[in-house]
């Protein structure tokens, strides 16, 4: 599935594989220096953890030729086994810190809503988000110190059956599907995007329509026939300095053994 973003719109078609769930920019925030996880309660094995962010940075820096560690060097054998057995939707997001604006700005975000093996999804979208998001130039080595990576695991997909407002801001991500004159349109926002942008529910639905690539007027009747799917996620984020600290500590411990 390929979904367009609010900026640099790409049309979303269900038969394709990659999807963008972020909007065009990250909202102002204090620059974090340590990993953080969402407070949601996903099923067992669907918690995003810092080791997943380490894997994403490992994959990306290996592709750039800057690192030569084995991927997921901080993940235990049991974690790796668990990741290979779990299937879920996966997104990897890169943000870049803007000193002039004192905020994170989106640098790449791709993933899939379709369940896939978690381990394979992490490796795939860590690379695709860094180098194949068509809205951005590929990430360069000199940008690494300014980067943050986020890993989102998606679960609890439900078709909304009690109106288009039957979802909770800050809890649910959304997937909107609708047709106009037999042409299909679709778009998604991850759960954290909506509160970051400060949108209410009506604004969010309008932004989804805009993001889908549809440029005409949409009637209330068309929206009533639309299919809205809500879902949840577990997310963990880590900036590059925290990644370096964790990997250096791990390497020191390994050298003592």
C-alpha atoms as a PDB file:
ATOM      1  CA  UNK A   1       0.000   0.000   0.000  1.00  0.00           C
ATOM      2  CA  UNK A   2       1.365   3.434  -0.896  1.00  0.00           C
ATOM      3  CA  UNK A   3      -0.264   6.337   0.878  1.00  0.00           C
ATOM      4  CA  UNK A   4       0.584   9.935   0.222  1.00  0.00           C
ATOM      5  CA  UNK A   5       1.538  12.466   2.831  1.00  0.00           C
ATOM      6  CA  UNK A   6      -0.051  15.814   3.484  1.00  0.00           C
ATOM      7  CA  UNK A   7       2.893  17.407   1.697  1.00  0.00           C
ATOM      8  CA  UNK A   8       4.034  15.835  -1.555  1.00  0.00           C
ATOM      9  CA  UNK A   9       0.803  13.935  -2.178  1.00  0.00           C
ATOM     10  CA  UNK A  10       0.991  10.389  -3.511  1.00  0.00           C
ATOM     11  CA  UNK A  11      -2.151   8.439  -4.284  1.00  0.00           C
ATOM     12  CA  UNK A  12      -2.906   5.399  -2.135  1.00  0.00           C
ATOM     13  CA  UNK A  13      -3.761   2.096  -3.807  1.00  0.00           C
ATOM     14  CA  UNK A  14      -4.422  -1.105  -1.851  1.00  0.00           C
ATOM     15  CA  UNK A  15      -2.512  -3.419  -4.152  1.00  0.00           C
ATOM     16  CA  UNK A  16       0.794  -1.647  -3.593  1.00  0.00           C
ATOM     17  CA  UNK A  17       3.117  -2.298  -0.683  1.00  0.00           C
ATOM     18  CA  UNK A  18       4.556   0.837   0.933  1.00  0.00           C
ATOM     19  CA  UNK A  19       2.542   3.384   2.857  1.00  0.00           C
ATOM     20  CA  UNK A  20       3.234   6.815   4.313  1.00  0.00           C
ATOM     21  CA  UNK A  21       1.366   7.490   7.550  1.00  0.00           C
ATOM     22  CA  UNK A  22       2.934  10.812   8.535  1.00  0.00           C
ATOM     23  CA  UNK A  23       2.060  14.341   7.611  1.00  0.00           C
ATOM     24  CA  UNK A  24       4.476  16.883   6.217  1.00  0.00           C
ATOM     25  CA  UNK A  25       6.125  18.069   9.411  1.00  0.00           C
ATOM     26  CA  UNK A  26       6.628  17.276  13.051  1.00  0.00           C
ATOM     27  CA  UNK A  27       5.163  19.671  15.603  1.00  0.00           C
ATOM     28  CA  UNK A  28       7.394  21.773  17.886  1.00  0.00           C
ATOM     29  CA  UNK A  29       8.762  19.743  20.757  1.00  0.00           C
ATOM     30  CA  UNK A  30      11.655  19.543  23.218  1.00  0.00           C
ATOM     31  CA  UNK A  31      14.496  17.579  21.651  1.00  0.00           C
ATOM     32  CA  UNK A  32      14.550  14.170  23.418  1.00  0.00           C
ATOM     33  CA  UNK A  33      17.793  12.439  24.274  1.00  0.00           C
ATOM     34  CA  UNK A  34      16.479   9.050  25.369  1.00  0.00           C
ATOM     35  CA  UNK A  35      14.059   6.404  24.033  1.00  0.00           C
ATOM     36  CA  UNK A  36      10.357   6.645  24.784  1.00  0.00           C
ATOM     37  CA  UNK A  37       7.436   4.250  24.306  1.00  0.00           C
ATOM     38  CA  UNK A  38       3.696   4.782  23.992  1.00  0.00           C
ATOM     39  CA  UNK A  39       1.423   4.134  26.948  1.00  0.00           C
ATOM     40  CA  UNK A  40      -0.940   1.927  24.962  1.00  0.00           C
ATOM     41  CA  UNK A  41      -1.427  -1.724  25.846  1.00  0.00           C
ATOM     42  CA  UNK A  42      -0.869  -3.837  22.727  1.00  0.00           C
ATOM     43  CA  UNK A  43      -0.991  -7.631  22.694  1.00  0.00           C
ATOM     44  CA  UNK A  44       2.011  -9.567  23.971  1.00  0.00           C
ATOM     45  CA  UNK A  45       5.039  -9.195  21.649  1.00  0.00           C
ATOM     46  CA  UNK A  46       3.660  -6.025  20.048  1.00  0.00           C
ATOM     47  CA  UNK A  47       5.415  -3.524  22.296  1.00  0.00           C
ATOM     48  CA  UNK A  48       7.832  -1.274  20.429  1.00  0.00           C
ATOM     49  CA  UNK A  49      11.139  -1.343  22.345  1.00  0.00           C
ATOM     50  CA  UNK A  50      14.428   0.613  22.076  1.00  0.00           C
ATOM     51  CA  UNK A  51      16.223  -2.346  20.469  1.00  0.00           C
ATOM     52  CA  UNK A  52      13.944  -1.901  17.454  1.00  0.00           C
ATOM     53  CA  UNK A  53      15.166   1.676  17.062  1.00  0.00           C
ATOM     54  CA  UNK A  54      18.746   0.419  17.354  1.00  0.00           C
ATOM     55  CA  UNK A  55      18.050  -2.060  14.563  1.00  0.00           C
ATOM     56  CA  UNK A  56      16.607   0.691  12.356  1.00  0.00           C
ATOM     57  CA  UNK A  57      19.679   2.876  12.838  1.00  0.00           C
ATOM     58  CA  UNK A  58      21.957  -0.159  12.314  1.00  0.00           C
ATOM     59  CA  UNK A  59      20.278  -0.996   9.006  1.00  0.00           C
ATOM     60  CA  UNK A  60      20.384   2.585   7.802  1.00  0.00           C
ATOM     61  CA  UNK A  61      23.990   3.307   8.828  1.00  0.00           C
ATOM     62  CA  UNK A  62      25.170  -0.011   7.370  1.00  0.00           C
ATOM     63  CA  UNK A  63      23.577   1.015   4.080  1.00  0.00           C
ATOM     64  CA  UNK A  64      25.485   4.300   4.269  1.00  0.00           C
ATOM     65  CA  UNK A  65      28.717   2.386   4.900  1.00  0.00           C
ATOM     66  CA  UNK A  66      29.261   4.015   8.290  1.00  0.00           C
ATOM     67  CA  UNK A  67      28.706   0.944  10.478  1.00  0.00           C
ATOM     68  CA  UNK A  68      29.829  -2.665  10.327  1.00  0.00           C
ATOM     69  CA  UNK A  69      28.042  -4.114  13.350  1.00  0.00           C
ATOM     70  CA  UNK A  70      25.663  -6.998  12.931  1.00  0.00           C
ATOM     71  CA  UNK A  71      22.101  -5.714  12.722  1.00  0.00           C
ATOM     72  CA  UNK A  72      20.049  -5.658  15.931  1.00  0.00           C
ATOM     73  CA  UNK A  73      23.285  -6.021  17.903  1.00  0.00           C
ATOM     74  CA  UNK A  74      21.488  -5.146  21.148  1.00  0.00           C
ATOM     75  CA  UNK A  75      18.567  -7.517  20.662  1.00  0.00           C
ATOM     76  CA  UNK A  76      18.649 -10.780  22.574  1.00  0.00           C
ATOM     77  CA  UNK A  77      18.217 -14.106  20.846  1.00  0.00           C
ATOM     78  CA  UNK A  78      14.759 -14.478  22.388  1.00  0.00           C
ATOM     79  CA  UNK A  79      13.765 -11.024  21.101  1.00  0.00           C
ATOM     80  CA  UNK A  80      14.956 -11.862  17.590  1.00  0.00           C
ATOM     81  CA  UNK A  81      13.014 -15.120  17.682  1.00  0.00           C
ATOM     82  CA  UNK A  82       9.910 -13.299  18.885  1.00  0.00           C
ATOM     83  CA  UNK A  83      10.209 -10.644  16.178  1.00  0.00           C
ATOM     84  CA  UNK A  84      10.495 -13.331  13.509  1.00  0.00           C
ATOM     85  CA  UNK A  85       7.296 -15.012  14.732  1.00  0.00           C
ATOM     86  CA  UNK A  86       5.084 -11.916  15.078  1.00  0.00           C
ATOM     87  CA  UNK A  87       3.182 -10.360  12.179  1.00  0.00           C
ATOM     88  CA  UNK A  88       1.855  -6.798  12.292  1.00  0.00           C
ATOM     89  CA  UNK A  89       1.797  -3.491  10.466  1.00  0.00           C
ATOM     90  CA  UNK A  90       5.124  -1.643  10.740  1.00  0.00           C
ATOM     91  CA  UNK A  91       6.181   1.967  10.160  1.00  0.00           C
ATOM     92  CA  UNK A  92       9.622   3.540  10.480  1.00  0.00           C
ATOM     93  CA  UNK A  93       9.836   7.326  10.759  1.00  0.00           C
ATOM     94  CA  UNK A  94      12.926   9.532  10.569  1.00  0.00           C
ATOM     95  CA  UNK A  95      12.846  13.103  11.864  1.00  0.00           C
ATOM     96  CA  UNK A  96      15.628  15.684  11.574  1.00  0.00           C
ATOM     97  CA  UNK A  97      16.261  18.274  14.252  1.00  0.00           C
ATOM     98  CA  UNK A  98      16.051  21.871  13.003  1.00  0.00           C
ATOM     99  CA  UNK A  99      18.183  24.172  15.141  1.00  0.00           C
ATOM    100  CA  UNK A 100      16.657  27.287  13.570  1.00  0.00           C
ATOM    101  CA  UNK A 101      13.099  26.154  14.350  1.00  0.00           C
ATOM    102  CA  UNK A 102      13.889  24.189  17.543  1.00  0.00           C
ATOM    103  CA  UNK A 103      11.775  21.266  16.441  1.00  0.00           C
ATOM    104  CA  UNK A 104      11.867  17.933  14.655  1.00  0.00           C
ATOM    105  CA  UNK A 105      10.980  17.961  10.963  1.00  0.00           C
ATOM    106  CA  UNK A 106       9.895  14.887   9.056  1.00  0.00           C
ATOM    107  CA  UNK A 107      12.741  13.358   7.033  1.00  0.00           C
ATOM    108  CA  UNK A 108      11.167  10.085   5.869  1.00  0.00           C
ATOM    109  CA  UNK A 109       8.292   7.783   6.820  1.00  0.00           C
ATOM    110  CA  UNK A 110       7.209   4.561   5.138  1.00  0.00           C
ATOM    111  CA  UNK A 111       5.605   1.345   6.287  1.00  0.00           C
ATOM    112  CA  UNK A 112       2.762  -1.051   5.714  1.00  0.00           C
ATOM    113  CA  UNK A 113      -0.676  -1.508   7.226  1.00  0.00           C
ATOM    114  CA  UNK A 114      -0.712  -5.099   6.034  1.00  0.00           C
ATOM    115  CA  UNK A 115       0.608  -7.633   8.590  1.00  0.00           C
ATOM    116  CA  UNK A 116       4.127  -8.839   7.822  1.00  0.00           C
ATOM    117  CA  UNK A 117       6.891 -10.526   9.774  1.00  0.00           C
ATOM    118  CA  UNK A 118       8.069  -7.921  12.285  1.00  0.00           C
ATOM    119  CA  UNK A 119      11.784  -8.652  11.898  1.00  0.00           C
ATOM    120  CA  UNK A 120      11.591  -8.370   8.110  1.00  0.00           C
ATOM    121  CA  UNK A 121       9.414  -5.255   8.378  1.00  0.00           C
ATOM    122  CA  UNK A 122      11.919  -3.480  10.612  1.00  0.00           C
ATOM    123  CA  UNK A 123      14.773  -4.185   8.229  1.00  0.00           C
ATOM    124  CA  UNK A 124      12.777  -3.292   5.126  1.00  0.00           C
ATOM    125  CA  UNK A 125      11.269  -0.019   6.259  1.00  0.00           C
ATOM    126  CA  UNK A 126      14.348   1.209   8.136  1.00  0.00           C
ATOM    127  CA  UNK A 127      15.984   1.289   4.718  1.00  0.00           C
ATOM    128  CA  UNK A 128      13.006   2.351   2.591  1.00  0.00           C
ATOM    129  CA  UNK A 129      12.092   5.259   4.889  1.00  0.00           C
ATOM    130  CA  UNK A 130      15.662   6.557   4.805  1.00  0.00           C
ATOM    131  CA  UNK A 131      16.299   6.233   1.086  1.00  0.00           C
ATOM    132  CA  UNK A 132      13.069   5.614  -0.842  1.00  0.00           C
ATOM    133  CA  UNK A 133      10.503   8.084   0.463  1.00  0.00           C
ATOM    134  CA  UNK A 134       9.796   9.982  -2.761  1.00  0.00           C
ATOM    135  CA  UNK A 135       9.042  13.216  -0.917  1.00  0.00           C
ATOM    136  CA  UNK A 136      12.653  13.555   0.226  1.00  0.00           C
ATOM    137  CA  UNK A 137      16.196  13.134  -0.993  1.00  0.00           C
ATOM    138  CA  UNK A 138      17.945  10.053   0.449  1.00  0.00           C
ATOM    139  CA  UNK A 139      19.415  10.596   3.909  1.00  0.00           C
ATOM    140  CA  UNK A 140      23.140  11.495   3.867  1.00  0.00           C
ATOM    141  CA  UNK A 141      25.877  10.516   6.329  1.00  0.00           C
ATOM    142  CA  UNK A 142      26.381  14.093   7.495  1.00  0.00           C
ATOM    143  CA  UNK A 143      22.757  14.251   8.670  1.00  0.00           C
ATOM    144  CA  UNK A 144      23.102  11.349  11.119  1.00  0.00           C
ATOM    145  CA  UNK A 145      23.846  13.411  14.277  1.00  0.00           C
ATOM    146  CA  UNK A 146      20.603  15.353  13.760  1.00  0.00           C
ATOM    147  CA  UNK A 147      18.321  12.355  13.235  1.00  0.00           C
ATOM    148  CA  UNK A 148      15.688  10.628  15.333  1.00  0.00           C
ATOM    149  CA  UNK A 149      14.081   7.302  14.417  1.00  0.00           C
ATOM    150  CA  UNK A 150      10.654   6.072  15.494  1.00  0.00           C
ATOM    151  CA  UNK A 151       9.269   2.545  15.136  1.00  0.00           C
ATOM    152  CA  UNK A 152       5.488   2.059  15.208  1.00  0.00           C
ATOM    153  CA  UNK A 153       3.806  -1.348  15.469  1.00  0.00           C
ATOM    154  CA  UNK A 154       0.144  -1.372  14.401  1.00  0.00           C
ATOM    155  CA  UNK A 155      -2.629  -3.556  15.820  1.00  0.00           C
ATOM    156  CA  UNK A 156      -6.366  -3.702  16.702  1.00  0.00           C
ATOM    157  CA  UNK A 157      -7.724  -2.781  13.263  1.00  0.00           C
ATOM    158  CA  UNK A 158     -11.500  -2.184  13.404  1.00  0.00           C
ATOM    159  CA  UNK A 159     -13.964  -0.875  10.846  1.00  0.00           C
ATOM    160  CA  UNK A 160     -15.809   2.108  12.346  1.00  0.00           C
ATOM    161  CA  UNK A 161     -19.523   1.260  12.454  1.00  0.00           C
ATOM    162  CA  UNK A 162     -21.062   4.135  14.425  1.00  0.00           C
ATOM    163  CA  UNK A 163     -20.271   7.145  12.269  1.00  0.00           C
ATOM    164  CA  UNK A 164     -17.031   8.749  11.111  1.00  0.00           C
ATOM    165  CA  UNK A 165     -16.375  10.243  14.563  1.00  0.00           C
ATOM    166  CA  UNK A 166     -16.286   6.891  16.374  1.00  0.00           C
ATOM    167  CA  UNK A 167     -12.601   7.057  17.313  1.00  0.00           C
ATOM    168  CA  UNK A 168     -10.392   8.736  19.921  1.00  0.00           C
ATOM    169  CA  UNK A 169      -7.744  11.359  19.233  1.00  0.00           C
ATOM    170  CA  UNK A 170      -4.367  10.243  20.571  1.00  0.00           C
ATOM    171  CA  UNK A 171      -5.420   6.581  20.676  1.00  0.00           C
ATOM    172  CA  UNK A 172      -6.429   5.639  17.137  1.00  0.00           C
ATOM    173  CA  UNK A 173      -4.789   5.901  13.754  1.00  0.00           C
ATOM    174  CA  UNK A 174      -7.152   6.114  10.786  1.00  0.00           C
ATOM    175  CA  UNK A 175      -7.449   4.638   7.307  1.00  0.00           C
ATOM    176  CA  UNK A 176     -10.060   6.265   5.067  1.00  0.00           C
ATOM    177  CA  UNK A 177     -11.256   4.595   1.842  1.00  0.00           C
ATOM    178  CA  UNK A 178     -13.771   6.157  -0.524  1.00  0.00           C
ATOM    179  CA  UNK A 179     -14.785   6.214  -4.189  1.00  0.00           C
ATOM    180  CA  UNK A 180     -15.700   9.062  -6.509  1.00  0.00           C
ATOM    181  CA  UNK A 181     -16.991   8.154  -9.977  1.00  0.00           C
ATOM    182  CA  UNK A 182     -15.623   4.606  -9.632  1.00  0.00           C
ATOM    183  CA  UNK A 183     -12.129   5.851  -8.763  1.00  0.00           C
ATOM    184  CA  UNK A 184     -10.772   4.671  -5.411  1.00  0.00           C
ATOM    185  CA  UNK A 185      -8.956   6.929  -2.941  1.00  0.00           C
ATOM    186  CA  UNK A 186      -7.356   6.096   0.396  1.00  0.00           C
ATOM    187  CA  UNK A 187      -5.121   7.664   3.032  1.00  0.00           C
ATOM    188  CA  UNK A 188      -3.939   7.003   6.571  1.00  0.00           C
ATOM    189  CA  UNK A 189      -2.579   8.868   9.589  1.00  0.00           C
ATOM    190  CA  UNK A 190      -0.698   7.116  12.390  1.00  0.00           C
ATOM    191  CA  UNK A 191      -2.139   7.679  15.908  1.00  0.00           C
ATOM    192  CA  UNK A 192       0.488  10.218  16.987  1.00  0.00           C
ATOM    193  CA  UNK A 193       0.068  12.471  13.923  1.00  0.00           C
ATOM    194  CA  UNK A 194      -3.368  13.836  14.801  1.00  0.00           C
ATOM    195  CA  UNK A 195      -2.584  15.218  18.306  1.00  0.00           C
ATOM    196  CA  UNK A 196       0.807  16.473  17.078  1.00  0.00           C
ATOM    197  CA  UNK A 197      -0.980  18.605  14.482  1.00  0.00           C
ATOM    198  CA  UNK A 198      -3.652  19.758  16.933  1.00  0.00           C
ATOM    199  CA  UNK A 199      -6.518  18.682  14.659  1.00  0.00           C
ATOM    200  CA  UNK A 200     -10.076  18.011  15.769  1.00  0.00           C
ATOM    201  CA  UNK A 201     -12.003  15.099  14.240  1.00  0.00           C
ATOM    202  CA  UNK A 202     -13.596  17.074  11.414  1.00  0.00           C
ATOM    203  CA  UNK A 203     -10.255  18.603  10.401  1.00  0.00           C
ATOM    204  CA  UNK A 204      -8.619  15.165  10.505  1.00  0.00           C
ATOM    205  CA  UNK A 205     -11.190  13.730   8.099  1.00  0.00           C
ATOM    206  CA  UNK A 206     -10.691  16.665   5.712  1.00  0.00           C
ATOM    207  CA  UNK A 207      -6.923  16.183   5.893  1.00  0.00           C
ATOM    208  CA  UNK A 208      -7.338  12.477   5.090  1.00  0.00           C
ATOM    209  CA  UNK A 209      -9.363  13.348   1.998  1.00  0.00           C
ATOM    210  CA  UNK A 210      -6.716  15.871   0.947  1.00  0.00           C
ATOM    211  CA  UNK A 211      -3.921  13.391   1.598  1.00  0.00           C
ATOM    212  CA  UNK A 212      -5.600  10.737  -0.552  1.00  0.00           C
ATOM    213  CA  UNK A 213      -4.920  12.820  -3.650  1.00  0.00           C
ATOM    214  CA  UNK A 214      -8.553  13.675  -4.305  1.00  0.00           C
ATOM    215  CA  UNK A 215      -8.701  17.305  -5.455  1.00  0.00           C
ATOM    216  CA  UNK A 216     -12.410  17.832  -6.055  1.00  0.00           C
ATOM    217  CA  UNK A 217     -15.307  18.736  -3.810  1.00  0.00           C
ATOM    218  CA  UNK A 218     -16.497  15.849  -1.659  1.00  0.00           C
ATOM    219  CA  UNK A 219     -20.103  15.672  -0.573  1.00  0.00           C
ATOM    220  CA  UNK A 220     -21.474  14.570   2.786  1.00  0.00           C
ATOM    221  CA  UNK A 221     -23.126  11.669   0.966  1.00  0.00           C
ATOM    222  CA  UNK A 222     -19.769  10.469  -0.391  1.00  0.00           C
ATOM    223  CA  UNK A 223     -18.228  10.630   3.058  1.00  0.00           C
ATOM    224  CA  UNK A 224     -21.119   8.680   4.520  1.00  0.00           C
ATOM    225  CA  UNK A 225     -20.352   5.888   2.049  1.00  0.00           C
ATOM    226  CA  UNK A 226     -16.649   5.978   2.924  1.00  0.00           C
ATOM    227  CA  UNK A 227     -15.083   3.175   4.938  1.00  0.00           C
ATOM    228  CA  UNK A 228     -13.107   4.333   7.978  1.00  0.00           C
ATOM    229  CA  UNK A 229     -10.821   1.905   9.774  1.00  0.00           C
ATOM    230  CA  UNK A 230      -9.320   2.739  13.156  1.00  0.00           C
ATOM    231  CA  UNK A 231      -6.241   1.106  14.676  1.00  0.00           C
ATOM    232  CA  UNK A 232      -3.762   1.492  17.538  1.00  0.00           C
ATOM    233  CA  UNK A 233       0.011   1.486  17.724  1.00  0.00           C
ATOM    234  CA  UNK A 234       2.923   1.056  20.089  1.00  0.00           C
ATOM    235  CA  UNK A 235       5.763   3.450  19.315  1.00  0.00           C
ATOM    236  CA  UNK A 236       9.329   3.860  20.491  1.00  0.00           C
ATOM    237  CA  UNK A 237      11.688   6.673  19.467  1.00  0.00           C
ATOM    238  CA  UNK A 238      15.431   7.251  19.799  1.00  0.00           C
ATOM    239  CA  UNK A 239      17.762   9.976  18.571  1.00  0.00           C
ATOM    240  CA  UNK A 240      21.173   9.285  17.077  1.00  0.00           C
ATOM    241  CA  UNK A 241      23.150  10.390  20.142  1.00  0.00           C
ATOM    242  CA  UNK A 242      21.232   7.909  22.322  1.00  0.00           C
ATOM    243  CA  UNK A 243      21.833   5.231  19.687  1.00  0.00           C
ATOM    244  CA  UNK A 244      25.585   5.921  19.785  1.00  0.00           C
ATOM    245  CA  UNK A 245      25.640   5.795  23.588  1.00  0.00           C
ATOM    246  CA  UNK A 246      23.835   2.454  23.698  1.00  0.00           C
ATOM    247  CA  UNK A 247      25.946   0.809  21.021  1.00  0.00           C
ATOM    248  CA  UNK A 248      29.243   2.040  22.490  1.00  0.00           C
ATOM    249  CA  UNK A 249      28.263   0.750  25.910  1.00  0.00           C
ATOM    250  CA  UNK A 250      27.313  -2.591  24.375  1.00  0.00           C
ATOM    251  CA  UNK A 251      30.620  -2.822  22.513  1.00  0.00           C
ATOM    252  CA  UNK A 252      32.593  -2.058  25.692  1.00  0.00           C
ATOM    253  CA  UNK A 253      30.739  -4.782  27.568  1.00  0.00           C
ATOM    254  CA  UNK A 254      31.359  -7.240  24.748  1.00  0.00           C
ATOM    255  CA  UNK A 255      35.085  -6.410  24.741  1.00  0.00           C
ATOM    256  CA  UNK A 256      35.354  -7.303  28.451  1.00  0.00           C
ATOM    257  CA  UNK A 257      33.916 -10.775  27.939  1.00  0.00           C
END
